[in-house]
Amino acid sequence: MQSIVIEIPQEIAFQLRLPPKCAKQMIMQELVIRLFEQEIITSAQGAYLLKMDRLEFERFLAEHEIPIHGEADGLKEDINCLERVL
């Protein structure tokens, strides 16, 4: 699959109440939140899209009061990885 480019027409972009320097990042964050909430993407994919590591992404979700979902096996794998690092 090729990458997807989303265009916002200039007249709407000017009307957005977002700081111009961070509008693209803020829109990407909102998209990732919605895709994650609907279980369309995983936390690893969300982290990748927002250029964060997994822990940063999970903090980001917590800041936005988005529950983390996942399989029990995934949680066990995360715990094992943390134990190896610590």
Foldseek 3Di string as FASTA:
>chain_A
DDDDDDDDDPVVVVVDPDPVVCPVLVVLLVVLLVCVLVVVDALCVSCVSNVHHSVVSVVVCVVVPHDHDDDPVVVVVVVVVVVVVD
